[in-house]
Protein backbone atom coordinates (compact mmCIF):
# COMPACT_ATOMS: atom_id res chain seq x y z
CA MET A 1 -10.81 -61.83 -45.24
CA TYR A 2 -11.12 -64.40 -48.02
CA ASP A 3 -8.40 -62.71 -50.12
CA ALA A 4 -5.97 -62.66 -47.19
CA LEU A 5 -6.67 -66.29 -46.33
CA ALA A 6 -6.35 -67.41 -49.96
CA SER A 7 -3.00 -65.62 -50.28
CA LEU A 8 -1.75 -67.18 -47.05
CA ARG A 9 -2.77 -70.65 -48.26
CA GLN A 10 -0.88 -70.04 -51.49
CA ILE A 11 2.27 -69.05 -49.58
CA VAL A 12 2.05 -72.30 -47.60
CA THR A 13 1.71 -74.28 -50.83
CA MET A 14 4.57 -72.40 -52.52
CA GLN A 15 6.77 -72.89 -49.47
CA ARG A 16 6.48 -76.66 -49.86
CA ASP A 17 7.63 -76.53 -53.49
CA HIS A 18 11.34 -76.26 -54.21
CA PRO A 19 12.34 -73.78 -56.94
CA SER A 20 13.44 -75.32 -60.19
CA ALA A 21 16.98 -75.10 -61.48
CA SER A 22 16.00 -72.41 -63.97
CA GLU A 23 14.40 -70.34 -61.21
CA LEU A 24 17.72 -70.29 -59.37
CA GLY A 25 19.49 -68.91 -62.43
CA LEU A 26 20.46 -65.32 -62.89
CA ARG A 27 17.33 -64.21 -64.65
CA GLY A 28 14.96 -66.86 -63.34
CA ASN A 29 13.80 -67.81 -66.83
CA GLY A 30 16.78 -69.63 -68.33
CA GLN A 31 20.13 -68.57 -69.65
CA PRO A 32 20.83 -65.19 -71.25
CA LYS A 33 20.82 -65.22 -75.02
CA SER A 34 24.50 -64.36 -75.22
CA VAL A 35 25.58 -67.51 -73.37
CA THR A 36 25.50 -69.50 -76.59
CA SER A 37 28.15 -67.23 -78.09
CA GLY A 38 31.87 -67.44 -77.34
CA MET A 39 33.14 -64.78 -74.97
CA GLN A 40 35.43 -63.51 -77.73
CA ASN A 41 32.32 -62.58 -79.70
CA LEU A 42 30.71 -60.56 -76.92
CA LYS A 43 30.76 -56.81 -77.36
CA MET A 44 32.91 -54.79 -74.96
CA PRO A 45 32.86 -51.05 -74.16
CA PRO A 46 34.98 -49.07 -76.67
CA MET A 47 38.71 -49.44 -76.09
CA ALA A 48 39.32 -45.69 -76.37
CA THR A 49 36.75 -44.96 -73.66
CA VAL A 50 38.21 -47.59 -71.33
CA LEU A 51 41.79 -46.38 -71.87
CA GLY A 52 40.71 -42.80 -71.23
CA LEU A 53 39.05 -43.74 -67.94
CA LEU A 54 42.01 -45.82 -66.82
CA ARG A 55 44.39 -42.96 -67.57
CA GLN A 56 42.14 -40.49 -65.79
CA LEU A 57 41.78 -42.69 -62.71
CA LYS A 58 45.50 -43.42 -62.61
CA GLU A 59 46.33 -39.71 -62.74
CA SER A 60 43.99 -39.06 -59.82
CA GLY A 61 46.55 -40.73 -57.55
CA ALA A 62 44.22 -43.36 -56.13
CA SER A 63 46.18 -46.26 -54.67
CA ASN A 64 43.51 -48.63 -55.88
CA ILE A 65 41.07 -47.80 -58.66
CA LEU A 66 38.35 -49.89 -57.03
CA GLU A 67 39.31 -49.45 -53.39
CA ASN A 68 35.70 -48.96 -52.26
CA ASP A 69 34.09 -51.81 -54.19
CA LEU A 70 36.76 -54.41 -55.03
CA PRO A 71 39.80 -53.68 -52.84
CA PHE A 72 41.32 -57.09 -53.54
CA ILE A 73 41.92 -56.19 -57.23
CA GLU A 74 45.22 -54.36 -57.70
CA ASN A 75 45.60 -51.64 -60.32
CA ASP A 76 48.40 -53.32 -62.27
CA GLU A 77 46.54 -56.63 -62.20
CA PHE A 78 43.39 -55.02 -63.58
CA VAL A 79 45.26 -53.15 -66.34
CA GLU A 80 47.04 -56.34 -67.41
CA MET A 81 43.75 -58.25 -67.59
CA CYS A 82 42.23 -55.44 -69.67
CA ARG A 83 45.11 -55.87 -72.13
CA ASN A 84 44.41 -59.60 -72.34
CA VAL A 85 40.73 -59.12 -73.09
CA TYR A 86 41.17 -56.27 -75.59
CA PHE A 87 44.42 -57.27 -77.34
CA ASN A 88 44.63 -61.03 -76.89
CA ALA A 89 41.04 -62.02 -77.62
CA ASP A 90 41.81 -65.68 -78.28
CA ASP A 91 43.65 -66.38 -75.06
CA PHE A 92 41.90 -65.31 -71.86
CA THR A 93 39.98 -67.27 -69.25
CA GLU A 94 36.41 -66.96 -67.99
CA ALA A 95 37.82 -65.59 -64.73
CA THR A 96 39.74 -62.83 -66.53
CA PHE A 97 36.65 -61.87 -68.52
CA ILE A 98 34.53 -61.76 -65.34
CA ILE A 99 37.01 -59.63 -63.40
CA VAL A 100 37.47 -57.13 -66.25
CA ASN A 101 33.74 -56.70 -66.84
CA ALA A 102 33.00 -56.44 -63.11
CA CYS A 103 35.66 -53.77 -62.65
CA LEU A 104 34.45 -51.83 -65.69
CA TYR A 105 30.87 -52.18 -64.45
CA HIS A 106 31.80 -50.52 -61.14
CA ILE A 107 33.92 -47.83 -62.81
CA PHE A 108 31.17 -46.86 -65.26
CA ALA A 109 28.58 -46.92 -62.45
CA GLU A 110 30.68 -44.55 -60.35
CA GLU A 111 31.48 -42.25 -63.25
CA SER A 112 27.86 -42.05 -64.41
CA TYR A 113 26.88 -41.14 -60.85
CA ALA A 114 29.59 -38.50 -60.55
CA THR A 115 29.22 -36.67 -63.89
CA ASP A 116 26.89 -33.72 -64.43
CA ASN A 117 26.89 -34.24 -68.21
CA ALA A 118 23.55 -35.91 -69.07
CA SER A 119 24.77 -37.20 -72.43
CA LEU A 120 27.92 -38.69 -70.91
CA ARG A 121 25.88 -40.22 -68.08
CA GLN A 122 23.62 -41.96 -70.58
CA GLU A 123 26.65 -43.27 -72.48
CA TYR A 124 28.26 -44.64 -69.31
CA GLN A 125 25.00 -46.27 -68.23
CA GLY A 126 24.84 -48.05 -71.58
CA TYR A 127 28.36 -49.43 -71.04
CA GLU A 128 27.39 -50.40 -67.50
CA GLU A 129 24.46 -52.44 -68.85
CA LEU A 130 26.72 -54.02 -71.48
CA CYS A 131 29.17 -55.19 -68.79
CA GLN A 132 26.25 -56.56 -66.78
CA GLU A 133 25.12 -58.68 -69.75
CA ASN A 134 28.67 -59.93 -70.29
CA LEU A 135 28.93 -60.93 -66.64
CA GLU A 136 25.76 -63.00 -66.79
CA ALA A 137 26.95 -64.74 -69.93
CA ALA A 138 30.33 -65.50 -68.32
CA PHE A 139 28.77 -66.86 -65.12
CA PHE A 140 26.81 -69.41 -67.13
CA ARG A 141 29.99 -70.48 -68.94
CA LEU A 142 31.93 -71.30 -65.78
CA PRO A 143 32.79 -75.02 -65.80
CA LEU A 144 31.61 -77.25 -62.96
CA CYS A 145 35.16 -78.17 -61.91
CA LEU A 146 37.25 -75.01 -61.87
CA PRO A 147 40.92 -75.30 -60.90
CA ALA A 148 41.81 -73.66 -57.59
CA THR A 149 43.62 -70.48 -58.65
CA SER A 150 43.85 -66.99 -57.22
CA GLN A 151 42.16 -65.53 -60.29
CA ASN A 152 39.26 -67.99 -60.12
CA ILE A 153 38.72 -67.20 -56.44
CA LYS A 154 38.53 -63.49 -57.23
CA ALA A 155 36.15 -64.11 -60.13
CA LEU A 156 33.84 -66.20 -57.93
CA LEU A 157 34.01 -63.60 -55.16
CA ILE A 158 33.15 -60.84 -57.62
CA GLY A 159 30.37 -63.02 -59.01
CA THR A 160 28.95 -63.47 -55.51
CA MET A 161 29.01 -59.74 -54.80
CA HIS A 162 27.45 -58.95 -58.16
CA THR A 163 24.78 -61.62 -57.74
CA ILE A 164 23.81 -60.15 -54.37
CA GLY A 165 23.96 -56.50 -55.35
CA HIS A 166 22.40 -56.72 -58.81
CA ASN A 167 20.37 -59.94 -59.10
CA CYS A 168 19.98 -60.68 -55.38
CA ARG A 169 19.76 -64.45 -55.68
CA PRO A 170 21.12 -65.85 -52.39
CA SER A 171 21.00 -69.49 -53.57
CA LEU A 172 23.07 -68.73 -56.66
CA ALA A 173 25.43 -66.55 -54.62
CA TRP A 174 25.85 -69.47 -52.19
CA ASN A 175 26.95 -71.78 -55.01
CA LEU A 176 29.57 -69.26 -56.11
CA ILE A 177 30.93 -68.34 -52.68
CA THR A 178 31.17 -71.92 -51.40
CA THR A 179 33.21 -72.82 -54.48
CA ALA A 180 35.49 -69.87 -53.73
CA ALA A 181 35.70 -70.97 -50.08
CA ARG A 182 36.77 -74.49 -51.02
CA MET A 183 39.43 -73.05 -53.35
CA CYS A 184 40.73 -70.86 -50.52
CA GLN A 185 41.01 -73.94 -48.34
CA ALA A 186 42.72 -75.93 -51.10
CA LEU A 187 45.33 -73.19 -51.56
CA GLY A 188 45.81 -72.69 -47.82
CA TYR A 189 44.63 -69.07 -47.69
CA HIS A 190 43.35 -69.74 -44.18
CA ARG A 191 46.53 -71.34 -42.82
CA GLN A 192 49.39 -69.34 -41.32
CA GLU A 193 51.97 -72.06 -42.07
CA VAL A 194 51.15 -71.84 -45.80
CA MET A 195 50.86 -68.06 -46.08
CA ARG A 196 54.13 -67.31 -44.29
CA LYS A 197 55.93 -68.64 -47.38
CA GLU A 198 54.55 -65.70 -49.41
CA ASP A 199 56.03 -62.21 -49.51
CA GLN A 200 54.26 -59.58 -47.40
CA GLN A 201 52.31 -57.97 -50.25
CA ALA A 202 51.02 -61.27 -51.63
CA ARG A 203 50.19 -62.48 -48.12
CA ASN A 204 48.18 -59.34 -47.34
CA LEU A 205 46.23 -59.50 -50.60
CA LYS A 206 45.36 -63.17 -50.15
CA ALA A 207 44.29 -62.49 -46.56
CA VAL A 208 41.89 -59.75 -47.73
CA VAL A 209 40.46 -62.07 -50.39
CA PHE A 210 39.99 -64.83 -47.82
CA TRP A 211 38.27 -62.60 -45.27
CA TYR A 212 35.87 -61.25 -47.90
CA VAL A 213 35.00 -64.84 -48.82
CA TYR A 214 34.65 -65.74 -45.14
CA VAL A 215 32.30 -62.84 -44.35
CA LEU A 216 30.02 -63.43 -47.35
CA GLU A 217 29.97 -67.21 -46.93
CA ASN A 218 28.84 -66.95 -43.29
CA ALA A 219 26.20 -64.33 -44.10
CA LEU A 220 24.74 -66.50 -46.87
CA ALA A 221 24.93 -69.63 -44.72
CA LEU A 222 22.76 -68.00 -42.04
CA ARG A 223 20.36 -66.60 -44.66
CA LEU A 224 19.85 -70.05 -46.20
CA GLY A 225 20.04 -72.12 -43.02
CA TYR A 226 23.29 -73.98 -43.73
CA SER A 227 26.40 -74.70 -41.72
CA SER A 228 29.41 -72.66 -42.82
CA VAL A 229 31.85 -74.33 -45.19
CA ILE A 230 34.79 -72.64 -43.45
CA ARG A 231 35.00 -73.57 -39.77
CA SER A 232 36.42 -70.83 -37.57
CA CYS A 233 38.55 -73.36 -35.69
CA GLU A 234 40.44 -74.17 -38.91
CA VAL A 235 41.52 -70.57 -39.55
CA THR A 236 45.03 -69.84 -38.26
CA ILE A 237 46.03 -66.69 -40.18
CA PRO A 238 46.16 -63.53 -38.02
CA ARG A 239 42.83 -61.78 -37.48
CA ASP A 240 44.35 -58.28 -37.37
CA VAL A 241 42.62 -57.58 -40.66
CA ASP A 242 43.01 -53.80 -40.39
CA LYS A 243 46.77 -54.15 -40.88
CA THR A 244 46.49 -56.20 -44.06
CA ALA A 245 43.58 -54.47 -45.82
CA PRO A 246 44.42 -51.72 -48.33
CA PRO A 247 43.73 -48.15 -47.21
CA GLY A 248 40.19 -46.97 -47.78
CA PRO A 249 36.94 -46.19 -45.98
CA TRP A 250 36.13 -49.86 -45.36
CA SER A 251 39.47 -51.26 -44.16
CA SER A 252 38.70 -50.47 -40.51
CA LEU A 253 35.33 -52.23 -40.75
CA LEU A 254 36.56 -55.43 -42.40
CA GLY A 255 37.96 -56.79 -39.13
CA LEU A 256 34.66 -56.08 -37.38
CA SER A 257 32.79 -57.78 -40.23
CA VAL A 258 34.90 -60.89 -39.60
CA LYS A 259 33.82 -60.86 -35.94
CA VAL A 260 30.17 -60.52 -36.97
CA ALA A 261 30.67 -63.46 -39.36
CA ASP A 262 32.02 -65.57 -36.48
CA ILE A 263 28.90 -64.75 -34.48
CA GLN A 264 26.57 -65.47 -37.42
CA ALA A 265 28.12 -68.93 -37.78
CA ASN A 266 27.47 -69.57 -34.08
CA VAL A 267 23.90 -68.25 -34.31
CA TYR A 268 22.99 -71.06 -36.67
CA GLU A 269 25.10 -73.77 -35.06
CA LEU A 270 24.21 -73.04 -31.42
CA LEU A 271 20.64 -71.75 -31.72
CA TYR A 272 18.89 -72.91 -34.88
CA SER A 273 20.61 -76.00 -36.29
CA PRO A 274 18.97 -79.44 -35.94
CA ARG A 275 21.59 -80.35 -33.33
CA ALA A 276 20.80 -77.21 -31.34
CA SER A 277 17.07 -78.01 -31.46
CA ALA A 278 17.76 -81.26 -29.62
CA LYS A 279 19.37 -79.46 -26.66
CA PRO A 280 17.50 -78.36 -23.52
CA ARG A 281 16.00 -74.90 -23.92
CA SER A 282 18.02 -73.63 -20.95
CA GLN A 283 21.28 -74.35 -22.79
CA ILE A 284 20.05 -72.54 -25.88
CA VAL A 285 19.06 -69.51 -23.80
CA ASP A 286 22.51 -69.44 -22.16
CA CYS A 287 24.14 -69.54 -25.61
CA ALA A 288 21.85 -66.75 -26.83
CA ARG A 289 22.74 -64.50 -23.91
CA ARG A 290 26.45 -65.09 -24.50
CA LEU A 291 26.18 -64.39 -28.24
CA SER A 292 24.14 -61.27 -27.51
CA ARG A 293 26.88 -59.93 -25.23
CA GLU A 294 29.55 -60.71 -27.83
CA LEU A 295 27.61 -58.94 -30.58
CA GLU A 296 26.96 -55.89 -28.39
CA VAL A 297 30.73 -55.50 -27.92
CA VAL A 298 31.34 -55.75 -31.68
CA MET A 299 28.51 -53.29 -32.39
CA ASP A 300 29.98 -50.80 -29.92
CA ASP A 301 33.37 -51.04 -31.66
CA ALA A 302 31.64 -50.70 -35.04
CA ARG A 303 29.90 -47.48 -33.93
CA LYS A 304 33.28 -45.96 -33.07
CA ALA A 305 34.74 -47.10 -36.40
CA ARG A 306 31.79 -45.69 -38.34
CA SER A 307 32.14 -42.38 -36.54
CA LEU A 308 35.82 -42.18 -37.50
CA ILE A 309 35.03 -43.10 -41.11
CA THR A 310 32.36 -40.41 -41.30
CA GLU A 311 34.74 -37.76 -39.95
CA GLU A 312 37.62 -38.80 -42.20
CA PHE A 313 35.90 -39.41 -45.53
CA LYS A 314 32.59 -37.57 -45.49
CA PRO A 315 33.95 -34.06 -46.09
CA THR A 316 35.92 -35.12 -49.17
CA THR A 317 34.14 -38.08 -50.76
CA GLN A 318 31.93 -37.54 -53.79
CA TYR A 319 29.97 -40.64 -52.78
CA GLN A 320 28.68 -39.31 -49.47
CA ASP A 321 25.15 -40.72 -49.92
CA SER A 322 26.49 -44.18 -50.71
CA LEU A 323 28.85 -44.04 -47.73
CA ASP A 324 26.07 -43.05 -45.32
CA LEU A 325 23.72 -45.75 -46.58
CA GLN A 326 26.31 -48.51 -46.43
CA LEU A 327 27.28 -47.58 -42.89
CA ILE A 328 23.67 -47.66 -41.71
CA GLY A 329 23.08 -50.85 -43.70
CA ASP A 330 25.92 -52.55 -41.82
CA GLU A 331 24.32 -51.49 -38.54
CA ILE A 332 20.95 -52.86 -39.68
CA THR A 333 22.62 -56.20 -40.43
CA CYS A 334 24.00 -56.26 -36.87
CA TYR A 335 20.62 -55.47 -35.31
CA THR A 336 18.94 -58.07 -37.51
CA THR A 337 21.44 -60.64 -36.23
CA LEU A 338 20.77 -59.44 -32.67
CA THR A 339 17.04 -59.94 -33.27
CA MET A 340 17.71 -63.54 -34.31
CA ILE A 341 19.87 -64.15 -31.25
CA THR A 342 17.45 -62.70 -28.72
CA ARG A 343 14.55 -64.51 -30.42
CA ALA A 344 15.91 -67.58 -28.62
CA ILE A 345 15.38 -65.91 -25.22
CA PRO A 346 11.77 -66.39 -24.03
CA ALA A 347 9.60 -63.55 -22.82
CA PRO A 348 9.46 -63.15 -19.02
CA GLU A 349 6.96 -65.40 -17.29
CA GLY A 350 3.55 -63.76 -17.17
CA SER A 351 4.37 -61.30 -19.96
CA ALA A 352 1.74 -60.67 -22.62
CA ASP A 353 4.48 -60.40 -25.24
CA SER A 354 5.61 -63.29 -27.42
CA PHE A 355 9.28 -62.25 -27.30
CA CYS A 356 11.69 -60.81 -24.77
CA ASP A 357 12.17 -57.05 -24.56
CA GLU A 358 15.65 -57.20 -26.12
CA CYS A 359 14.28 -58.98 -29.19
CA LEU A 360 11.39 -56.56 -29.67
CA ASP A 361 13.63 -53.53 -29.11
CA ALA A 362 16.12 -54.74 -31.73
CA ALA A 363 13.38 -55.51 -34.27
CA ARG A 364 11.72 -52.13 -33.81
CA ARG A 365 15.06 -50.35 -34.06
CA VAL A 366 15.72 -52.03 -37.41
CA MET A 367 12.39 -50.74 -38.68
CA ARG A 368 13.23 -47.17 -37.62
CA MET A 369 16.68 -47.33 -39.21
CA HIS A 370 15.24 -48.79 -42.40
CA GLN A 371 12.81 -45.89 -42.73
CA ALA A 372 15.73 -43.48 -42.33
CA CYS A 373 17.66 -45.29 -45.09
CA VAL A 374 14.70 -45.20 -47.46
CA ALA A 375 14.14 -41.49 -46.82
CA ALA A 376 17.84 -40.72 -47.36
CA SER A 377 17.90 -42.54 -50.71
CA ALA A 378 14.53 -41.38 -52.04
CA ASP A 379 16.24 -39.50 -54.89
CA ASN A 380 18.51 -42.40 -55.86
CA LEU A 381 16.52 -45.60 -56.30
CA GLU A 382 19.50 -47.55 -57.67
CA LEU A 383 21.32 -46.89 -54.40
CA GLN A 384 18.18 -47.78 -52.44
CA VAL A 385 17.87 -51.10 -54.27
CA ALA A 386 21.50 -51.95 -53.48
CA TYR A 387 20.87 -51.21 -49.80
CA ILE A 388 17.75 -53.42 -49.73
CA HIS A 389 19.52 -56.27 -51.53
CA TRP A 390 22.50 -56.23 -49.16
CA SER A 391 20.87 -55.37 -45.82
CA ILE A 392 17.38 -56.88 -46.10
CA VAL A 393 17.20 -59.69 -48.67
CA LEU A 394 20.66 -61.04 -47.78
CA THR A 395 19.49 -61.68 -44.20
CA PRO A 396 16.65 -63.92 -42.92
CA PHE A 397 15.19 -60.54 -41.86
CA ALA A 398 13.89 -61.71 -38.51
CA PRO A 399 12.63 -58.21 -37.48
CA PHE A 400 9.66 -58.36 -39.85
CA PHE A 401 8.61 -61.85 -38.77
CA VAL A 402 9.11 -61.07 -35.07
CA LEU A 403 6.86 -58.02 -35.29
CA PHE A 404 4.32 -59.89 -37.43
CA CYS A 405 4.08 -62.64 -34.81
CA GLN A 406 3.92 -60.04 -32.03
CA THR A 407 1.05 -58.33 -33.87
CA ILE A 408 -0.89 -61.59 -34.23
CA SER A 409 -0.37 -62.76 -30.65
CA THR A 410 -0.93 -59.45 -28.83
CA SER A 411 -3.15 -57.53 -31.31
CA SER A 412 -0.57 -54.73 -31.29
CA VAL A 413 -1.74 -51.97 -33.63
CA GLU A 414 1.61 -50.21 -33.15
CA ASP A 415 3.59 -53.16 -34.49
CA LEU A 416 1.04 -53.63 -37.26
CA ALA A 417 1.74 -50.04 -38.31
CA ARG A 418 5.48 -50.77 -38.28
CA ILE A 419 5.27 -53.75 -40.62
CA ARG A 420 2.74 -51.92 -42.81
CA ASP A 421 5.11 -48.95 -43.10
CA PHE A 422 7.94 -51.35 -43.97
CA ALA A 423 5.92 -52.96 -46.77
CA ASP A 424 4.89 -49.56 -48.13
CA SER A 425 8.49 -48.29 -48.02
CA LEU A 426 9.52 -50.96 -50.55
CA LEU A 427 7.15 -49.70 -53.25
CA PRO A 428 9.47 -47.18 -54.98
CA ALA A 429 12.41 -49.62 -55.25
CA SER A 430 10.06 -52.44 -56.29
CA ARG A 431 9.55 -50.68 -59.62
CA ILE A 432 13.17 -51.28 -60.68
CA SER A 433 14.06 -54.50 -58.83
CA ASP A 434 12.28 -57.80 -59.35
CA GLN A 435 13.48 -59.11 -55.99
CA VAL A 436 12.26 -56.03 -54.11
CA ARG A 437 8.94 -56.34 -55.93
CA LYS A 438 8.58 -59.92 -54.71
CA LEU A 439 9.54 -58.91 -51.17
CA GLN A 440 7.05 -56.05 -51.21
CA ARG A 441 4.22 -58.30 -52.35
CA LEU A 442 5.12 -60.89 -49.74
CA CYS A 443 5.18 -58.33 -46.92
CA HIS A 444 1.97 -56.78 -48.24
CA VAL A 445 0.21 -60.14 -47.96
CA PHE A 446 1.40 -60.67 -44.38
CA CYS A 447 0.26 -57.16 -43.46
CA ASN A 448 -3.18 -57.90 -44.89
CA VAL A 449 -3.26 -61.18 -42.98
CA ALA A 450 -2.39 -59.39 -39.74
CA THR A 451 -4.98 -56.66 -40.36
CA THR A 452 -7.72 -59.17 -41.18
CA TYR A 453 -6.77 -61.37 -38.23
CA LEU A 454 -6.94 -58.47 -35.77
CA GLU A 455 -10.30 -57.33 -37.16
CA ALA A 456 -11.75 -60.84 -36.83
CA LYS A 457 -10.33 -61.18 -33.31
CA SER A 458 -11.88 -57.86 -32.33
CA ARG A 459 -15.30 -58.90 -33.64
CA GLN A 460 -15.01 -62.26 -31.93
CA GLN A 461 -14.15 -60.65 -28.58
CA GLN A 462 -17.09 -58.27 -28.91
CA GLN A 463 -19.40 -61.18 -29.65
CA GLU A 464 -18.07 -63.15 -26.68
CA HIS A 465 -18.56 -60.13 -24.43
CA GLN A 466 -22.17 -59.78 -25.62
CA GLN A 467 -22.66 -63.50 -25.11
CA GLN A 468 -21.53 -63.23 -21.52
CA GLN A 469 -23.72 -60.18 -20.91
CA GLN A 470 -26.87 -61.46 -22.63
CA HIS A 471 -26.44 -65.25 -22.23
CA HIS A 472 -26.88 -66.17 -25.89
CA HIS A 473 -24.78 -68.06 -28.41
CA LEU A 474 -22.54 -66.49 -31.05
CA ASP A 475 -24.37 -65.41 -34.18
CA ASP A 476 -23.38 -66.60 -37.65
CA GLN A 477 -20.82 -63.78 -38.08
CA GLY A 478 -19.10 -64.61 -34.81
CA ASP A 479 -19.15 -68.29 -35.70
CA GLN A 480 -17.60 -67.52 -39.09
CA ASP A 481 -14.94 -65.27 -37.54
CA MET A 482 -13.87 -67.97 -35.11
CA MET A 483 -13.73 -70.58 -37.84
CA GLN A 484 -11.59 -68.40 -40.09
CA ILE A 485 -9.31 -67.42 -37.22
CA GLY A 486 -8.76 -71.14 -36.81
CA GLU A 487 -7.83 -71.42 -40.49
CA PHE A 488 -5.39 -68.52 -40.13
CA ASP A 489 -3.84 -70.24 -37.10
CA VAL A 490 -3.28 -73.47 -38.99
CA CYS A 491 -1.72 -71.70 -41.99
CA LEU A 492 0.61 -69.72 -39.73
CA GLY A 493 1.39 -72.92 -37.86
CA ALA A 494 2.25 -74.67 -41.12
CA LEU A 495 4.67 -71.81 -41.84
CA GLY A 496 6.28 -72.30 -38.42
CA LEU A 497 5.39 -68.79 -37.28
CA MET A 498 2.98 -69.62 -34.45
CA GLN A 499 1.19 -72.41 -32.64
CA PRO A 500 -2.50 -72.75 -33.53
CA ASP A 501 -4.79 -71.46 -30.81
CA ALA A 502 -6.48 -74.43 -29.16
CA SER A 503 -9.88 -72.78 -28.73
CA SER A 504 -10.15 -71.55 -32.30
CA ALA A 505 -8.87 -74.91 -33.55
CA HIS A 506 -11.52 -76.78 -31.60
CA HIS A 507 -14.30 -74.49 -32.81
CA HIS A 508 -13.07 -74.69 -36.40
CA HIS A 509 -13.17 -78.50 -36.32
CA HIS A 510 -16.59 -78.56 -34.64
CA HIS A 511 -18.05 -76.13 -37.17
CA HIS A 512 -16.47 -77.97 -40.10
CA HIS A 513 -17.80 -81.32 -38.79
CA GLN A 514 -21.31 -79.86 -38.65
CA GLN A 515 -21.03 -78.68 -42.25
CA HIS A 516 -20.02 -82.17 -43.41
CA GLN A 517 -23.00 -83.66 -41.58
CA GLN A 518 -25.21 -81.18 -43.41
CA GLY A 519 -23.58 -82.03 -46.73
CA THR A 520 -22.12 -78.55 -47.14
CA GLY A 521 -18.51 -79.21 -46.13
CA TRP A 522 -15.49 -78.58 -48.33
CA PRO A 523 -13.41 -81.42 -49.76
CA HIS A 524 -10.23 -82.64 -48.10
CA HIS A 525 -6.89 -82.04 -49.75
CA PRO A 526 -5.78 -85.43 -51.13
CA ASP A 527 -2.45 -85.51 -49.27
CA GLY A 528 -3.86 -84.25 -45.99
CA GLY A 529 -1.83 -81.05 -46.12
CA VAL A 530 -2.83 -77.49 -46.79
CA PRO A 531 -5.70 -77.42 -49.32
CA LEU A 532 -5.36 -76.11 -52.80
CA GLU A 533 -6.17 -72.48 -53.40
CA GLY A 534 -9.90 -71.97 -53.04
CA GLN A 535 -10.28 -74.85 -50.55
CA PRO A 536 -10.40 -74.25 -46.80
CA LEU A 537 -8.29 -76.13 -44.30
CA ASP A 538 -9.68 -79.13 -42.45
CA MET A 539 -7.74 -78.54 -39.25
CA HIS A 540 -8.47 -81.88 -37.61
CA HIS A 541 -7.46 -83.85 -40.70
CA HIS A 542 -4.40 -81.64 -41.18
CA GLN A 543 -3.22 -82.22 -37.61
CA GLN A 544 -3.81 -85.98 -37.87
CA GLN A 545 -1.60 -86.13 -40.96
CA MET A 546 1.10 -83.83 -39.60
CA GLY A 547 1.22 -85.35 -36.12
CA PRO A 548 2.05 -83.32 -33.03
CA ILE A 549 3.92 -80.15 -33.97
CA ASP A 550 6.70 -78.84 -31.74
CA PHE A 551 6.91 -75.12 -32.42
CA SER A 552 10.57 -74.88 -31.52
CA LEU A 553 13.11 -72.25 -32.47
CA GLY A 554 14.10 -74.47 -35.37
CA ASP A 555 10.53 -74.45 -36.71
CA TRP A 556 10.32 -70.66 -36.48
CA PHE A 557 13.72 -70.18 -38.12
CA ALA A 558 12.95 -72.68 -40.88
CA GLY A 559 9.59 -71.04 -41.52
CA SER A 560 10.95 -67.50 -41.86
CA ARG A 561 13.91 -68.79 -43.90
CA ASP A 562 11.65 -70.68 -46.31
CA ILE A 563 9.33 -67.69 -46.70
CA MET A 564 12.30 -65.50 -47.65
CA GLY A 565 13.41 -68.36 -49.89
CA LEU A 566 10.34 -67.77 -52.05
CA LEU A 567 12.14 -64.69 -53.38
CA ASP A 568 14.77 -66.96 -54.94
CA GLY A 569 12.30 -68.86 -57.11
CA GLY A 570 9.72 -67.92 -59.70
CA MET A 571 7.17 -66.69 -57.17
CA ARG A 572 3.72 -66.74 -58.72
CA PRO A 573 1.52 -63.64 -58.36
CA PHE A 574 -0.83 -63.71 -55.41
CA GLY A 575 -2.97 -61.36 -53.38
CA THR A 576 -4.21 -57.96 -54.45
CA PRO A 577 -1.40 -55.72 -55.73
CA PRO A 578 -0.93 -52.58 -53.65
CA GLU A 579 -1.66 -49.25 -55.24
CA GLY A 580 1.07 -48.13 -57.58
CA MET A 581 2.14 -51.64 -58.58
């Protein structure tokens, strides 16, 4: 119990501290070594190898070399930028360098995955790592005030996608994508009256770029608890995205992703923003029910689109595993958003549950789908990491916190098993991803907290039953259990995840007061907040300093958001590492 409580205290303390600037960088420990060198001095993959791959891919007849990963980069544009980097080393921009290395990174990644030649695979993986290092160096060299150009927008968009997929730093990705969004607005990518002056091909390409920016910006805004930079009411270009996107397995889903992005923007603004928190709860519930219906319609359309994609591309694509995982990952994102929406709908009056049935059903469905994704990618951990980065870490991941709170409030051993299985499922990928490792440790701590809490509750209830039967007071163990349950309640309350139980709070204060009278009490934390590690919580003093706490939707959202935000910083080790770590 003491280990679980100490780890929970540490999370509360870490949550109050903002990550430093260096922690929000790409590596979390400062700039890469190569940033001090000029980009012209950075090593590139051999020219002969690159030319051979370009020739091979061009002969394959693909309309777009990177149609699955970067469909907004045209073949001719990419080839021309390669020429600039390789043959005109003294005259290319940071954006050109970023786009070339990102494209080569994806090409080498795909080719290394597709080849059966072990020696060639190792060679391609080395070039893939080289491009990754070049990208990080180039990101750090981007000036604060970039001019608004099409190439800079694409470079920032690619940087955002790479930061999510490889580094998984939502705060850094937010800085990149909001800059791209402002450039799109400055150039009028979102306005029909500006875009109609372009020819059809240029208009379509700019529309695809804009909608990619729009989708990612709204997803990151919800993840970080910000209002979207691009307001939906300001967008006047046609939303028939399927007609403008280049052909490929994802073109039919881009339009649906835009609709999900619209809903995600409304989830924050109408349910969880400070302005929403000031509204009557009945209005919030009405908004939640409306958003839930809208998302259900989009999800139904998405299921049909995914079915068509599977039928059309699955028999012929060499990337079948990746296709399957990305399709399920998109569905998980939708159900995670649905969990957040229905979290705003209270449980029926008289229900023992903490959340409505729709919320619990969505959260539990996410857990089942996640286990299927992990099982399907067990032989490809790189693919599994990409799925976790995009579908789990990129979201506030409400399903885990909903089921954790449900476990605590109802003593549900079934939901405890679900969150425990989720934490355990992250272990393989945690060995090759720092962000997944942090997430696994965080979930592991909360699982231990829930397990310890339920055990203490069970002992307390048994003691109370014996007390009623035999008419005697709680023994020392029962007294200790109740006191520590009170400490758990306050820590979880400080995280915004639950309201402290009044009975355990009262007993904790009474017991703590007795210890002070006997000269055996623990010291207060100097600022009246959560004590330092190794010190217990003085609940009465803590509540006096904090004032009355309204455990609103905003508190719960902010708490879960800030807990996930710990992954962005240099999270210190805590708790007992699970086996295999």
